[in-house]
N, C-alpha and C. Protein backbone atom coordinates (compact mmCIF):
# COMPACT_ATOMS: atom_id res chain seq x y z
N MET A 1 -8.43 -6.07 39.75
CA MET A 1 -9.17 -5.36 39.12
C MET A 1 -9.33 -4.08 39.54
N VAL A 2 -9.17 -2.80 39.10
CA VAL A 2 -9.36 -1.84 38.91
C VAL A 2 -11.22 -1.41 38.38
N GLN A 3 -11.65 -0.89 39.15
CA GLN A 3 -13.23 -0.97 38.96
C GLN A 3 -13.65 0.70 38.30
N GLN A 4 -14.06 0.63 37.32
CA GLN A 4 -14.38 2.42 36.88
C GLN A 4 -15.76 2.55 37.59
N PRO A 5 -15.66 3.78 37.19
CA PRO A 5 -17.23 4.31 37.83
C PRO A 5 -18.39 3.54 37.44
N VAL A 6 -18.38 3.69 35.73
CA VAL A 6 -19.56 2.82 35.47
C VAL A 6 -20.19 1.40 35.62
N GLY A 7 -18.68 0.57 36.24
CA GLY A 7 -19.12 -0.69 36.74
C GLY A 7 -18.21 -1.28 35.35
N ILE A 8 -17.42 -0.99 34.84
CA ILE A 8 -16.80 -1.76 33.96
C ILE A 8 -15.33 -2.07 34.68
N LYS A 9 -14.82 -3.42 34.62
CA LYS A 9 -14.13 -4.01 35.18
C LYS A 9 -12.70 -3.93 34.42
N VAL A 10 -11.49 -3.39 34.50
CA VAL A 10 -10.49 -3.58 33.72
C VAL A 10 -9.36 -4.30 34.24
N ARG A 11 -9.02 -5.12 33.36
CA ARG A 11 -7.82 -5.98 34.07
C ARG A 11 -6.17 -5.51 33.68
N THR A 12 -5.94 -5.20 34.70
CA THR A 12 -4.59 -4.49 35.03
C THR A 12 -3.50 -4.97 34.60
N GLY A 13 -3.54 -6.47 34.94
CA GLY A 13 -3.00 -7.58 34.39
C GLY A 13 -2.26 -7.90 33.41
N HIS A 14 -3.55 -7.72 32.30
CA HIS A 14 -3.50 -8.24 31.01
C HIS A 14 -2.40 -6.33 30.52
N ILE A 15 -3.10 -5.72 30.87
CA ILE A 15 -2.29 -4.12 30.07
C ILE A 15 -0.88 -4.56 30.47
N MET A 16 -0.74 -4.39 31.58
CA MET A 16 0.98 -4.10 32.26
C MET A 16 1.78 -5.26 31.17
N SER A 17 1.03 -6.71 31.16
CA SER A 17 2.07 -8.10 30.62
C SER A 17 2.03 -7.33 29.08
N LYS A 18 1.48 -6.70 28.85
CA LYS A 18 1.47 -6.03 27.14
C LYS A 18 2.93 -5.05 27.29
N HIS A 19 3.30 -4.47 28.06
CA HIS A 19 3.81 -3.57 28.33
C HIS A 19 5.12 -3.62 29.08
N LEU A 20 5.38 -5.12 29.83
CA LEU A 20 6.48 -5.46 30.17
C LEU A 20 7.65 -5.90 29.22
N ARG A 21 7.34 -6.25 28.12
CA ARG A 21 8.32 -6.08 27.14
C ARG A 21 9.31 -5.14 26.73
N PHE A 22 8.57 -3.88 26.92
CA PHE A 22 9.25 -2.31 26.30
C PHE A 22 10.01 -2.37 27.77
N ILE A 23 10.51 -2.64 29.11
CA ILE A 23 11.01 -2.05 30.08
C ILE A 23 12.63 -2.21 29.69
N ALA A 24 12.73 -3.39 29.21
CA ALA A 24 13.91 -4.01 28.89
C ALA A 24 14.78 -2.95 27.78
N ARG A 25 14.08 -2.57 26.75
CA ARG A 25 14.71 -1.67 25.94
C ARG A 25 14.24 -0.80 25.65
N THR A 26 14.69 0.21 26.80
CA THR A 26 14.80 1.69 27.27
C THR A 26 16.12 2.01 26.83
N ILE A 27 15.94 3.13 26.04
CA ILE A 27 17.47 3.29 25.52
C ILE A 27 17.52 5.00 25.96
N MET A 28 18.59 5.24 26.77
CA MET A 28 18.80 6.84 27.43
C MET A 28 19.62 7.63 26.35
N VAL A 29 18.90 8.62 25.89
CA VAL A 29 19.60 9.57 24.83
C VAL A 29 20.65 10.39 25.84
N GLN A 30 21.70 10.78 25.26
CA GLN A 30 23.06 11.27 25.82
C GLN A 30 23.37 12.29 25.26
N ASP A 31 23.36 13.68 25.66
CA ASP A 31 24.11 14.85 25.24
C ASP A 31 22.77 15.12 23.94
N GLY A 32 21.82 15.30 24.02
CA GLY A 32 20.71 15.29 22.90
C GLY A 32 21.47 14.79 21.82
N ASN A 33 21.70 13.59 21.34
CA ASN A 33 22.33 12.84 20.38
C ASN A 33 20.94 12.10 20.21
N VAL A 34 20.10 12.27 19.51
CA VAL A 34 19.23 11.27 19.09
C VAL A 34 19.21 10.27 18.33
N ASP A 35 19.87 10.27 17.09
CA ASP A 35 20.44 9.84 16.17
C ASP A 35 21.15 8.38 16.54
N ALA A 36 22.29 8.88 17.51
CA ALA A 36 22.86 7.50 18.26
C ALA A 36 21.83 6.67 18.82
N ALA A 37 20.77 7.12 19.59
CA ALA A 37 20.10 6.71 20.25
C ALA A 37 18.93 5.71 19.54
N TYR A 38 18.56 6.65 18.42
CA TYR A 38 17.27 6.03 17.56
C TYR A 38 18.19 4.44 16.89
N LYS A 39 19.89 4.72 16.81
CA LYS A 39 20.38 3.55 15.90
C LYS A 39 20.74 2.02 16.89
N THR A 40 20.87 2.77 18.29
CA THR A 40 21.01 1.51 19.47
C THR A 40 19.65 0.90 19.62
N LEU A 41 18.33 1.79 19.57
CA LEU A 41 17.23 1.18 19.71
C LEU A 41 16.93 0.17 18.52
N ASN A 42 16.88 0.49 17.18
CA ASN A 42 16.94 -0.27 16.26
C ASN A 42 17.68 -1.58 16.08
N ARG A 43 18.91 -1.14 16.99
CA ARG A 43 19.90 -2.37 17.03
C ARG A 43 19.35 -3.44 17.91
N VAL A 44 18.76 -3.15 18.88
CA VAL A 44 18.53 -3.44 20.11
C VAL A 44 17.04 -4.70 20.01
N LEU A 45 16.06 -3.50 18.80
CA LEU A 45 14.71 -4.73 18.22
C LEU A 45 15.24 -5.44 17.36
N THR A 46 16.07 -4.85 16.27
CA THR A 46 16.58 -6.04 15.38
C THR A 46 17.06 -7.37 16.17
N GLN A 47 17.96 -7.22 17.24
CA GLN A 47 18.52 -8.49 17.59
C GLN A 47 17.64 -9.25 18.27
N ASP A 48 16.78 -8.47 18.93
CA ASP A 48 15.48 -9.29 19.73
C ASP A 48 14.26 -9.85 19.10
N GLY A 49 14.52 -9.80 18.02
CA GLY A 49 13.65 -10.23 16.72
C GLY A 49 12.38 -9.58 16.96
N ILE A 50 11.97 -8.34 17.71
CA ILE A 50 10.67 -7.31 17.56
C ILE A 50 10.12 -7.26 16.11
N ILE A 51 11.14 -6.34 15.49
CA ILE A 51 10.99 -5.89 14.24
C ILE A 51 10.34 -6.74 13.27
N GLU A 52 11.16 -7.71 13.37
CA GLU A 52 10.41 -8.93 12.64
C GLU A 52 9.32 -9.61 12.58
N SER A 53 8.93 -9.50 13.65
CA SER A 53 7.67 -10.10 14.59
C SER A 53 6.73 -9.62 13.94
N VAL A 54 7.10 -7.76 14.27
CA VAL A 54 6.24 -6.67 13.91
C VAL A 54 5.70 -6.65 12.42
N LYS A 55 6.60 -6.98 11.27
CA LYS A 55 6.45 -6.96 9.92
C LYS A 55 5.90 -8.23 9.78
N ARG A 56 5.77 -9.22 10.24
CA ARG A 56 5.04 -10.38 10.23
C ARG A 56 3.80 -10.40 10.33
N LYS A 57 3.55 -9.80 11.41
CA LYS A 57 1.95 -9.60 12.29
C LYS A 57 1.17 -8.55 11.67
N ARG A 58 2.06 -8.11 10.48
CA ARG A 58 1.18 -6.46 9.72
C ARG A 58 -0.13 -7.32 9.03
N TYR A 59 -0.09 -8.44 8.27
CA TYR A 59 -0.89 -8.97 7.41
C TYR A 59 -1.17 -10.14 8.00
N TYR A 60 -2.26 -11.14 7.70
CA TYR A 60 -2.61 -12.49 7.95
C TYR A 60 -1.69 -13.33 6.83
N GLU A 61 -1.10 -14.20 8.02
CA GLU A 61 -0.62 -15.23 7.06
C GLU A 61 -0.88 -16.77 7.49
N LYS A 62 -1.44 -17.19 6.42
CA LYS A 62 -2.03 -18.48 6.05
C LYS A 62 -1.66 -19.50 6.84
N PRO A 63 -2.10 -20.81 7.49
CA PRO A 63 -1.48 -21.26 8.44
C PRO A 63 -0.33 -21.99 7.67
N CYS A 64 -0.92 -23.04 6.12
CA CYS A 64 0.34 -23.13 5.87
C CYS A 64 1.71 -22.83 5.44
N ARG A 65 1.53 -21.42 5.11
CA ARG A 65 2.63 -20.66 4.78
C ARG A 65 3.39 -20.34 5.70
N GLU A 66 2.25 -20.21 7.10
CA GLU A 66 3.50 -20.66 8.54
C GLU A 66 4.34 -21.72 8.93
N ARG A 67 3.26 -22.82 8.50
CA ARG A 67 4.26 -23.92 8.92
C ARG A 67 5.46 -23.77 7.81
N GLN A 68 5.08 -23.67 6.55
CA GLN A 68 6.52 -23.73 5.61
C GLN A 68 7.57 -22.40 6.30
N ARG A 69 7.03 -21.55 6.45
CA ARG A 69 8.26 -20.34 6.91
C ARG A 69 8.86 -21.14 8.16
N LYS A 70 8.35 -21.30 8.91
CA LYS A 70 8.66 -22.03 10.13
C LYS A 70 9.56 -23.11 10.07
N THR A 71 9.12 -24.15 9.19
CA THR A 71 10.05 -25.17 8.33
C THR A 71 11.36 -24.67 8.39
N TYR A 72 11.31 -23.97 6.84
CA TYR A 72 12.54 -23.03 6.18
C TYR A 72 13.26 -22.74 7.36
N GLU A 73 12.66 -21.77 8.56
CA GLU A 73 13.58 -21.38 9.17
C GLU A 73 14.23 -22.09 10.43
N ASN A 74 13.42 -23.42 10.42
CA ASN A 74 14.27 -24.09 10.93
C ASN A 74 15.87 -24.90 10.40
N CYS A 75 15.20 -24.99 9.39
CA CYS A 75 16.24 -25.63 8.25
C CYS A 75 17.20 -25.01 8.39
N LYS A 76 17.31 -23.90 8.18
CA LYS A 76 18.14 -22.66 7.69
C LYS A 76 19.07 -22.57 9.43
N ARG A 77 18.41 -22.94 10.65
CA ARG A 77 19.03 -22.48 11.49
C ARG A 77 19.56 -23.62 12.05
N ILE A 78 19.61 -24.71 11.56
CA ILE A 78 20.24 -25.95 11.64
C ILE A 78 21.02 -26.09 10.97
N TYR A 79 21.08 -25.68 9.54
CA TYR A 79 22.29 -25.87 8.62
C TYR A 79 23.42 -24.36 8.90
N ASN A 80 23.07 -23.56 9.51
CA ASN A 80 23.66 -22.24 9.81
C ASN A 80 24.99 -22.80 11.41
N THR A 81 24.01 -24.08 12.22
CA THR A 81 24.89 -24.10 13.45
C THR A 81 25.86 -25.15 13.17
N GLU A 82 25.33 -26.07 12.11
CA GLU A 82 26.72 -27.11 11.68
C GLU A 82 27.29 -26.53 10.66
N MET A 83 27.23 -25.76 10.35
CA MET A 83 28.43 -24.68 8.90
C MET A 83 29.04 -24.08 10.19
N ALA A 84 28.84 -23.60 11.02
CA ALA A 84 29.81 -22.95 11.76
C ALA A 84 30.28 -23.96 12.85
N ARG A 85 29.84 -24.90 13.36
CA ARG A 85 30.65 -25.89 13.81
C ARG A 85 32.07 -26.60 13.04
N LYS A 86 31.58 -26.81 11.52
CA LYS A 86 32.62 -27.27 11.00
C LYS A 86 33.72 -26.25 10.62
N ILE A 87 33.30 -25.09 10.34
CA ILE A 87 34.04 -23.79 10.29
C ILE A 87 35.14 -23.96 11.29
N ALA A 88 34.48 -23.56 12.71
CA ALA A 88 35.16 -24.01 13.93
C ALA A 88 36.62 -25.06 14.00
N PHE A 89 35.89 -26.09 13.56
CA PHE A 89 36.69 -27.29 13.22
C PHE A 89 38.19 -26.95 12.62
N ILE A 90 37.46 -27.16 11.58
CA ILE A 90 38.73 -26.91 10.49
C ILE A 90 39.43 -25.45 10.85
N SER A 91 39.39 -24.70 11.56
CA SER A 91 40.07 -23.16 11.56
C SER A 91 40.74 -23.40 12.74
N LYS A 92 40.72 -24.76 13.45
CA LYS A 92 41.37 -25.05 15.00
C LYS A 92 42.87 -25.24 14.38
N THR A 93 44.25 -24.83 14.98
CA THR A 93 45.63 -24.92 14.47
C THR A 93 45.96 -26.12 15.30
N ASN A 94 45.26 -26.49 16.31
CA ASN A 94 46.40 -27.29 17.30
C ASN A 94 45.33 -29.19 17.21
N ARG A 95 44.51 -29.36 15.76
CA ARG A 95 44.12 -30.53 15.63
C ARG A 95 44.89 -31.58 15.05
N ALA A 96 44.60 -32.65 14.68
CA ALA A 96 45.33 -33.84 14.70
C ALA A 96 45.70 -33.54 13.11
N ASP A 97 46.50 -34.10 12.33
CA ASP A 97 46.50 -33.82 10.95
C ASP A 97 45.78 -35.26 10.49
N PRO A 98 44.86 -34.71 9.71
CA PRO A 98 44.18 -35.85 8.79
C PRO A 98 44.76 -36.85 7.81
N TRP A 99 45.91 -35.99 7.25
CA TRP A 99 46.15 -36.98 5.55
C TRP A 99 47.55 -37.30 6.31
N LEU A 100 47.76 -38.32 7.28
CA LEU A 100 48.97 -38.84 7.97
C LEU A 100 49.53 -39.82 6.78
N GLY A 101 50.59 -39.75 6.50
CA GLY A 101 51.18 -40.49 5.93
C GLY A 101 51.52 -40.34 4.10
N CYS A 102 50.80 -39.07 4.15
CA CYS A 102 50.98 -38.62 2.57
C CYS A 102 51.35 -37.36 2.16
């Protein structure tokens, strides 16, 4: 705890916990090429889901809508993983022939 002269206590752990998530998202600008660094930063933030979560938290989301969204995202994730598994199975070249005798 850091004590202010007025007697107000500030929790530094709380402040640092908000800023720790940005440490791993530091992009170095090389040779003054800001555009490339900006594109890289946007790609990193998009892959981590930061941009989507910030856009989603911009407005209040009702609990029923949040449950619907989470259910939809879960179903979509399951569908995509199953489809990727099936495509990977079909694209294998050394698998057994399913049409024996035809």
